[in-house]
Amino acid sequence: MYRATINVPYSETLFKAFIPEDKKVERFEYKIKKTKKELIFDITAKDSVALRASLNSIAKLISVHEKIEHADLK
């Protein structure tokens, strides 16, 4: 079993973005814990390839959220 944790600053919008996501698939699953200051993603995977795929998927959504949040909307 492979495990990883991602900690990001708390954002209710980001938390809600992950609600419709599949949290458990055949080769990996993740849980989201929220605290006052951060969101903690706890990822468990059956193999290293699945771990990398899950990390990439989560990181991509976080990146999109950051770009939208920091966009200069004129």
PDB file of N, CA and C in Angstrom:
ATOM      1  N   MET A   1       0.842  -1.172   0.000  1.00  0.00           N
ATOM      2  CA  MET A   1       0.000   0.000   0.000  1.00  0.00           C
ATOM      3  C   MET A   1       0.893   1.244   0.000  1.00  0.00           C
ATOM      4  N   TYR A   2       0.525   2.219  -0.801  1.00  0.00           N
ATOM      5  CA  TYR A   2       1.245   3.485  -0.907  1.00  0.00           C
ATOM      6  C   TYR A   2       0.352   4.590  -0.354  1.00  0.00           C
ATOM      7  N   ARG A   3       0.980   5.565   0.323  1.00  0.00           N
ATOM      8  CA  ARG A   3       0.210   6.665   0.921  1.00  0.00           C
ATOM      9  C   ARG A   3       0.903   7.990   0.670  1.00  0.00           C
ATOM     10  N   ALA A   4       0.093   9.034   0.596  1.00  0.00           N
ATOM     11  CA  ALA A   4       0.610  10.397   0.476  1.00  0.00           C
ATOM     12  C   ALA A   4      -0.406  11.332   1.109  1.00  0.00           C
ATOM     13  N   THR A   5       0.072  12.487   1.522  1.00  0.00           N
ATOM     14  CA  THR A   5      -0.784  13.515   2.096  1.00  0.00           C
ATOM     15  C   THR A   5      -0.483  14.842   1.415  1.00  0.00           C
ATOM     16  N   ILE A   6      -1.525  15.564   1.069  1.00  0.00           N
ATOM     17  CA  ILE A   6      -1.392  16.906   0.504  1.00  0.00           C
ATOM     18  C   ILE A   6      -2.108  17.861   1.444  1.00  0.00           C
ATOM     19  N   ASN A   7      -1.423  18.898   1.872  1.00  0.00           N
ATOM     20  CA  ASN A   7      -2.009  19.929   2.723  1.00  0.00           C
ATOM     21  C   ASN A   7      -2.066  21.225   1.918  1.00  0.00           C
ATOM     22  N   VAL A   8      -3.243  21.837   1.851  1.00  0.00           N
ATOM     23  CA  VAL A   8      -3.402  23.106   1.139  1.00  0.00           C
ATOM     24  C   VAL A   8      -4.172  24.065   2.036  1.00  0.00           C
ATOM     25  N   PRO A   9      -3.973  25.379   1.844  1.00  0.00           N
ATOM     26  CA  PRO A   9      -4.733  26.351   2.637  1.00  0.00           C
ATOM     27  C   PRO A   9      -6.234  26.125   2.462  1.00  0.00           C
ATOM     28  N   TYR A  10      -6.989  26.315   3.536  1.00  0.00           N
ATOM     29  CA  TYR A  10      -8.426  26.063   3.518  1.00  0.00           C
ATOM     30  C   TYR A  10      -9.143  26.990   2.543  1.00  0.00           C
ATOM     31  N   SER A  11     -10.035  26.402   1.782  1.00  0.00           N
ATOM     32  CA  SER A  11     -10.922  27.145   0.897  1.00  0.00           C
ATOM     33  C   SER A  11     -12.218  26.350   0.787  1.00  0.00           C
ATOM     34  N   GLU A  12     -13.321  26.958   1.148  1.00  0.00           N
ATOM     35  CA  GLU A  12     -14.612  26.280   1.062  1.00  0.00           C
ATOM     36  C   GLU A  12     -14.939  25.945  -0.395  1.00  0.00           C
ATOM     37  N   THR A  13     -14.573  26.845  -1.304  1.00  0.00           N
ATOM     38  CA  THR A  13     -14.813  26.598  -2.726  1.00  0.00           C
ATOM     39  C   THR A  13     -14.067  25.361  -3.200  1.00  0.00           C
ATOM     40  N   LEU A  14     -12.818  25.232  -2.808  1.00  0.00           N
ATOM     41  CA  LEU A  14     -12.030  24.065  -3.193  1.00  0.00           C
ATOM     42  C   LEU A  14     -12.614  22.801  -2.569  1.00  0.00           C
ATOM     43  N   PHE A  15     -13.004  22.883  -1.318  1.00  0.00           N
ATOM     44  CA  PHE A  15     -13.612  21.729  -0.651  1.00  0.00           C
ATOM     45  C   PHE A  15     -14.860  21.272  -1.407  1.00  0.00           C
ATOM     46  N   LYS A  16     -15.709  22.210  -1.785  1.00  0.00           N
ATOM     47  CA  LYS A  16     -16.932  21.880  -2.511  1.00  0.00           C
ATOM     48  C   LYS A  16     -16.634  21.316  -3.900  1.00  0.00           C
ATOM     49  N   ALA A  17     -15.536  21.744  -4.495  1.00  0.00           N
ATOM     50  CA  ALA A  17     -15.170  21.242  -5.825  1.00  0.00           C
ATOM     51  C   ALA A  17     -14.859  19.747  -5.788  1.00  0.00           C
ATOM     52  N   PHE A  18     -14.398  19.261  -4.662  1.00  0.00           N
ATOM     53  CA  PHE A  18     -14.049  17.849  -4.551  1.00  0.00           C
ATOM     54  C   PHE A  18     -15.230  16.969  -4.129  1.00  0.00           C
ATOM     55  N   ILE A  19     -16.338  17.549  -3.724  1.00  0.00           N
ATOM     56  CA  ILE A  19     -17.486  16.757  -3.283  1.00  0.00           C
ATOM     57  C   ILE A  19     -17.993  15.818  -4.380  1.00  0.00           C
ATOM     58  N   PRO A  20     -18.165  16.289  -5.635  1.00  0.00           N
ATOM     59  CA  PRO A  20     -18.675  15.365  -6.649  1.00  0.00           C
ATOM     60  C   PRO A  20     -17.635  14.379  -7.192  1.00  0.00           C
ATOM     61  N   GLU A  21     -16.364  14.579  -6.858  1.00  0.00           N
ATOM     62  CA  GLU A  21     -15.313  13.685  -7.343  1.00  0.00           C
ATOM     63  C   GLU A  21     -15.455  12.294  -6.734  1.00  0.00           C
ATOM     64  N   ASP A  22     -15.054  11.279  -7.488  1.00  0.00           N
ATOM     65  CA  ASP A  22     -15.005   9.922  -6.947  1.00  0.00           C
ATOM     66  C   ASP A  22     -13.875   9.861  -5.924  1.00  0.00           C
ATOM     67  N   LYS A  23     -14.201   9.468  -4.727  1.00  0.00           N
ATOM     68  CA  LYS A  23     -13.190   9.398  -3.681  1.00  0.00           C
ATOM     69  C   LYS A  23     -12.597   8.008  -3.572  1.00  0.00           C
ATOM     70  N   LYS A  24     -13.231   7.058  -4.223  1.00  0.00           N
ATOM     71  CA  LYS A  24     -12.710   5.701  -4.187  1.00  0.00           C
ATOM     72  C   LYS A  24     -12.908   5.073  -5.559  1.00  0.00           C
ATOM     73  N   VAL A  25     -11.815   4.654  -6.129  1.00  0.00           N
ATOM     74  CA  VAL A  25     -11.852   3.920  -7.387  1.00  0.00           C
ATOM     75  C   VAL A  25     -11.108   2.609  -7.162  1.00  0.00           C
ATOM     76  N   GLU A  26     -10.986   1.836  -8.194  1.00  0.00           N
ATOM     77  CA  GLU A  26     -10.426   0.493  -8.030  1.00  0.00           C
ATOM     78  C   GLU A  26      -9.020   0.476  -7.406  1.00  0.00           C
ATOM     79  N   ARG A  27      -8.162   1.411  -7.799  1.00  0.00           N
ATOM     80  CA  ARG A  27      -6.765   1.331  -7.365  1.00  0.00           C
ATOM     81  C   ARG A  27      -6.353   2.381  -6.343  1.00  0.00           C
ATOM     82  N   PHE A  28      -7.195   3.371  -6.079  1.00  0.00           N
ATOM     83  CA  PHE A  28      -6.850   4.362  -5.057  1.00  0.00           C
ATOM     84  C   PHE A  28      -8.099   4.963  -4.445  1.00  0.00           C
ATOM     85  N   GLU A  29      -7.902   5.596  -3.303  1.00  0.00           N
ATOM     86  CA  GLU A  29      -8.966   6.364  -2.663  1.00  0.00           C
ATOM     87  C   GLU A  29      -8.335   7.526  -1.919  1.00  0.00           C
ATOM     88  N   TYR A  30      -9.140   8.548  -1.657  1.00  0.00           N
ATOM     89  CA  TYR A  30      -8.650   9.663  -0.853  1.00  0.00           C
ATOM     90  C   TYR A  30      -9.757  10.154   0.061  1.00  0.00           C
ATOM     91  N   LYS A  31      -9.325  10.739   1.151  1.00  0.00           N
ATOM     92  CA  LYS A  31     -10.242  11.344   2.113  1.00  0.00           C
ATOM     93  C   LYS A  31      -9.809  12.791   2.298  1.00  0.00           C
ATOM     94  N   ILE A  32     -10.779  13.650   2.498  1.00  0.00           N
ATOM     95  CA  ILE A  32     -10.491  15.063   2.726  1.00  0.00           C
ATOM     96  C   ILE A  32     -10.890  15.412   4.148  1.00  0.00           C
ATOM     97  N   LYS A  33      -9.953  15.994   4.866  1.00  0.00           N
ATOM     98  CA  LYS A  33     -10.225  16.479   6.214  1.00  0.00           C
ATOM     99  C   LYS A  33     -10.058  17.997   6.170  1.00  0.00           C
ATOM    100  N   LYS A  34     -11.005  18.704   6.753  1.00  0.00           N
ATOM    101  CA  LYS A  34     -10.855  20.155   6.777  1.00  0.00           C
ATOM    102  C   LYS A  34     -10.642  20.630   8.203  1.00  0.00           C
ATOM    103  N   THR A  35      -9.720  21.544   8.343  1.00  0.00           N
ATOM    104  CA  THR A  35      -9.482  22.215   9.607  1.00  0.00           C
ATOM    105  C   THR A  35      -9.754  23.703   9.366  1.00  0.00           C
ATOM    106  N   LYS A  36      -9.561  24.512  10.366  1.00  0.00           N
ATOM    107  CA  LYS A  36      -9.788  25.945  10.188  1.00  0.00           C
ATOM    108  C   LYS A  36      -8.798  26.565   9.207  1.00  0.00           C
ATOM    109  N   LYS A  37      -7.595  25.971   9.124  1.00  0.00           N
ATOM    110  CA  LYS A  37      -6.550  26.580   8.307  1.00  0.00           C
ATOM    111  C   LYS A  37      -6.245  25.856   7.006  1.00  0.00           C
ATOM    112  N   GLU A  38      -6.605  24.568   6.907  1.00  0.00           N
ATOM    113  CA  GLU A  38      -6.206  23.841   5.707  1.00  0.00           C
ATOM    114  C   GLU A  38      -7.124  22.666   5.380  1.00  0.00           C
ATOM    115  N   LEU A  39      -6.989  22.217   4.146  1.00  0.00           N
ATOM    116  CA  LEU A  39      -7.606  20.979   3.694  1.00  0.00           C
ATOM    117  C   LEU A  39      -6.494  19.941   3.632  1.00  0.00           C
ATOM    118  N   ILE A  40      -6.773  18.758   4.118  1.00  0.00           N
ATOM    119  CA  ILE A  40      -5.772  17.689   4.130  1.00  0.00           C
ATOM    120  C   ILE A  40      -6.326  16.534   3.310  1.00  0.00           C
ATOM    121  N   PHE A  41      -5.615  16.206   2.247  1.00  0.00           N
ATOM    122  CA  PHE A  41      -5.978  15.081   1.382  1.00  0.00           C
ATOM    123  C   PHE A  41      -5.115  13.894   1.784  1.00  0.00           C
ATOM    124  N   ASP A  42      -5.751  12.827   2.218  1.00  0.00           N
ATOM    125  CA  ASP A  42      -5.044  11.606   2.587  1.00  0.00           C
ATOM    126  C   ASP A  42      -5.320  10.587   1.491  1.00  0.00           C
ATOM    127  N   ILE A  43      -4.275  10.244   0.733  1.00  0.00           N
ATOM    128  CA  ILE A  43      -4.419   9.385  -0.433  1.00  0.00           C
ATOM    129  C   ILE A  43      -3.798   8.025  -0.149  1.00  0.00           C
ATOM    130  N   THR A  44      -4.521   6.967  -0.515  1.00  0.00           N
ATOM    131  CA  THR A  44      -4.029   5.596  -0.391  1.00  0.00           C
ATOM    132  C   THR A  44      -4.186   4.931  -1.755  1.00  0.00           C
ATOM    133  N   ALA A  45      -3.113   4.272  -2.208  1.00  0.00           N
ATOM    134  CA  ALA A  45      -3.146   3.621  -3.514  1.00  0.00           C
ATOM    135  C   ALA A  45      -2.558   2.218  -3.423  1.00  0.00           C
ATOM    136  N   LYS A  46      -2.983   1.379  -4.363  1.00  0.00           N
ATOM    137  CA  LYS A  46      -2.491   0.004  -4.384  1.00  0.00           C
ATOM    138  C   LYS A  46      -1.085  -0.099  -4.961  1.00  0.00           C
ATOM    139  N   ASP A  47      -0.710   0.859  -5.838  1.00  0.00           N
ATOM    140  CA  ASP A  47       0.616   0.808  -6.453  1.00  0.00           C
ATOM    141  C   ASP A  47       1.095   2.223  -6.757  1.00  0.00           C
ATOM    142  N   SER A  48       2.355   2.340  -7.135  1.00  0.00           N
ATOM    143  CA  SER A  48       2.954   3.660  -7.343  1.00  0.00           C
ATOM    144  C   SER A  48       2.340   4.396  -8.530  1.00  0.00           C
ATOM    145  N   VAL A  49       1.943   3.686  -9.558  1.00  0.00           N
ATOM    146  CA  VAL A  49       1.330   4.325 -10.717  1.00  0.00           C
ATOM    147  C   VAL A  49      -0.018   4.930 -10.334  1.00  0.00           C
ATOM    148  N   ALA A  50      -0.807   4.212  -9.572  1.00  0.00           N
ATOM    149  CA  ALA A  50      -2.098   4.722  -9.111  1.00  0.00           C
ATOM    150  C   ALA A  50      -1.908   5.917  -8.174  1.00  0.00           C
ATOM    151  N   LEU A  51      -0.878   5.859  -7.339  1.00  0.00           N
ATOM    152  CA  LEU A  51      -0.595   6.989  -6.442  1.00  0.00           C
ATOM    153  C   LEU A  51      -0.251   8.233  -7.256  1.00  0.00           C
ATOM    154  N   ARG A  52       0.603   8.068  -8.245  1.00  0.00           N
ATOM    155  CA  ARG A  52       0.985   9.210  -9.081  1.00  0.00           C
ATOM    156  C   ARG A  52      -0.236   9.772  -9.809  1.00  0.00           C
ATOM    157  N   ALA A  53      -1.082   8.903 -10.349  1.00  0.00           N
ATOM    158  CA  ALA A  53      -2.274   9.359 -11.062  1.00  0.00           C
ATOM    159  C   ALA A  53      -3.216  10.137 -10.137  1.00  0.00           C
ATOM    160  N   SER A  54      -3.399   9.638  -8.929  1.00  0.00           N
ATOM    161  CA  SER A  54      -4.281  10.334  -7.985  1.00  0.00           C
ATOM    162  C   SER A  54      -3.698  11.681  -7.572  1.00  0.00           C
ATOM    163  N   LEU A  55      -2.391  11.721  -7.342  1.00  0.00           N
ATOM    164  CA  LEU A  55      -1.742  12.992  -6.993  1.00  0.00           C
ATOM    165  C   LEU A  55      -1.878  14.002  -8.129  1.00  0.00           C
ATOM    166  N   ASN A  56      -1.673  13.547  -9.361  1.00  0.00           N
ATOM    167  CA  ASN A  56      -1.807  14.434 -10.517  1.00  0.00           C
ATOM    168  C   ASN A  56      -3.228  14.965 -10.646  1.00  0.00           C
ATOM    169  N   SER A  57      -4.204  14.116 -10.443  1.00  0.00           N
ATOM    170  CA  SER A  57      -5.603  14.516 -10.546  1.00  0.00           C
ATOM    171  C   SER A  57      -5.967  15.566  -9.504  1.00  0.00           C
ATOM    172  N   ILE A  58      -5.578  15.329  -8.275  1.00  0.00           N
ATOM    173  CA  ILE A  58      -5.866  16.269  -7.192  1.00  0.00           C
ATOM    174  C   ILE A  58      -5.106  17.572  -7.408  1.00  0.00           C
ATOM    175  N   ALA A  59      -3.833  17.474  -7.764  1.00  0.00           N
ATOM    176  CA  ALA A  59      -3.010  18.675  -7.979  1.00  0.00           C
ATOM    177  C   ALA A  59      -3.555  19.521  -9.126  1.00  0.00           C
ATOM    178  N   LYS A  60      -4.067  18.890 -10.161  1.00  0.00           N
ATOM    179  CA  LYS A  60      -4.617  19.634 -11.299  1.00  0.00           C
ATOM    180  C   LYS A  60      -5.834  20.448 -10.877  1.00  0.00           C
ATOM    181  N   LEU A  61      -6.732  19.845 -10.118  1.00  0.00           N
ATOM    182  CA  LEU A  61      -7.913  20.576  -9.667  1.00  0.00           C
ATOM    183  C   LEU A  61      -7.528  21.713  -8.719  1.00  0.00           C
ATOM    184  N   ILE A  62      -6.546  21.488  -7.874  1.00  0.00           N
ATOM    185  CA  ILE A  62      -6.063  22.554  -6.984  1.00  0.00           C
ATOM    186  C   ILE A  62      -5.469  23.696  -7.811  1.00  0.00           C
ATOM    187  N   SER A  63      -4.694  23.353  -8.832  1.00  0.00           N
ATOM    188  CA  SER A  63      -4.084  24.357  -9.701  1.00  0.00           C
ATOM    189  C   SER A  63      -5.139  25.194 -10.430  1.00  0.00           C
ATOM    190  N   VAL A  64      -6.154  24.551 -10.955  1.00  0.00           N
ATOM    191  CA  VAL A  64      -7.239  25.264 -11.639  1.00  0.00           C
ATOM    192  C   VAL A  64      -7.942  26.195 -10.658  1.00  0.00           C
ATOM    193  N   HIS A  65      -8.193  25.714  -9.459  1.00  0.00           N
ATOM    194  CA  HIS A  65      -8.834  26.547  -8.426  1.00  0.00           C
ATOM    195  C   HIS A  65      -7.994  27.780  -8.127  1.00  0.00           C
ATOM    196  N   GLU A  66      -6.683  27.608  -7.977  1.00  0.00           N
ATOM    197  CA  GLU A  66      -5.795  28.743  -7.694  1.00  0.00           C
ATOM    198  C   GLU A  66      -5.816  29.760  -8.826  1.00  0.00           C
ATOM    199  N   LYS A  67      -5.782  29.281 -10.061  1.00  0.00           N
ATOM    200  CA  LYS A  67      -5.789  30.199 -11.205  1.00  0.00           C
ATOM    201  C   LYS A  67      -7.081  30.996 -11.255  1.00  0.00           C
ATOM    202  N   ILE A  68      -8.194  30.342 -10.988  1.00  0.00           N
ATOM    203  CA  ILE A  68      -9.481  31.048 -11.004  1.00  0.00           C
ATOM    204  C   ILE A  68      -9.552  32.035  -9.843  1.00  0.00           C
ATOM    205  N   GLU A  69      -9.111  31.618  -8.687  1.00  0.00           N
ATOM    206  CA  GLU A  69      -9.162  32.464  -7.489  1.00  0.00           C
ATOM    207  C   GLU A  69      -8.300  33.716  -7.644  1.00  0.00           C
ATOM    208  N   HIS A  70      -7.174  33.586  -8.337  1.00  0.00           N
ATOM    209  CA  HIS A  70      -6.247  34.707  -8.482  1.00  0.00           C
ATOM    210  C   HIS A  70      -6.381  35.431  -9.817  1.00  0.00           C
ATOM    211  N   ALA A  71      -7.381  35.072 -10.596  1.00  0.00           N
ATOM    212  CA  ALA A  71      -7.591  35.702 -11.905  1.00  0.00           C
ATOM    213  C   ALA A  71      -8.006  37.155 -11.710  1.00  0.00           C
ATOM    214  N   ASP A  72      -7.483  37.978 -12.573  1.00  0.00           N
ATOM    215  CA  ASP A  72      -7.852  39.401 -12.552  1.00  0.00           C
ATOM    216  C   ASP A  72      -9.080  39.555 -13.426  1.00  0.00           C
ATOM    217  N   LEU A  73     -10.235  39.540 -12.810  1.00  0.00           N
ATOM    218  CA  LEU A  73     -11.497  39.618 -13.552  1.00  0.00           C
ATOM    219  C   LEU A  73     -11.859  41.069 -13.797  1.00  0.00           C
ATOM    220  N   LYS A  74     -11.606  41.509 -15.018  1.00  0.00           N
ATOM    221  CA  LYS A  74     -11.904  42.910 -15.370  1.00  0.00           C
ATOM    222  C   LYS A  74     -13.173  42.994 -16.155  1.00  0.00           C
TER     223      LYS A  74
END
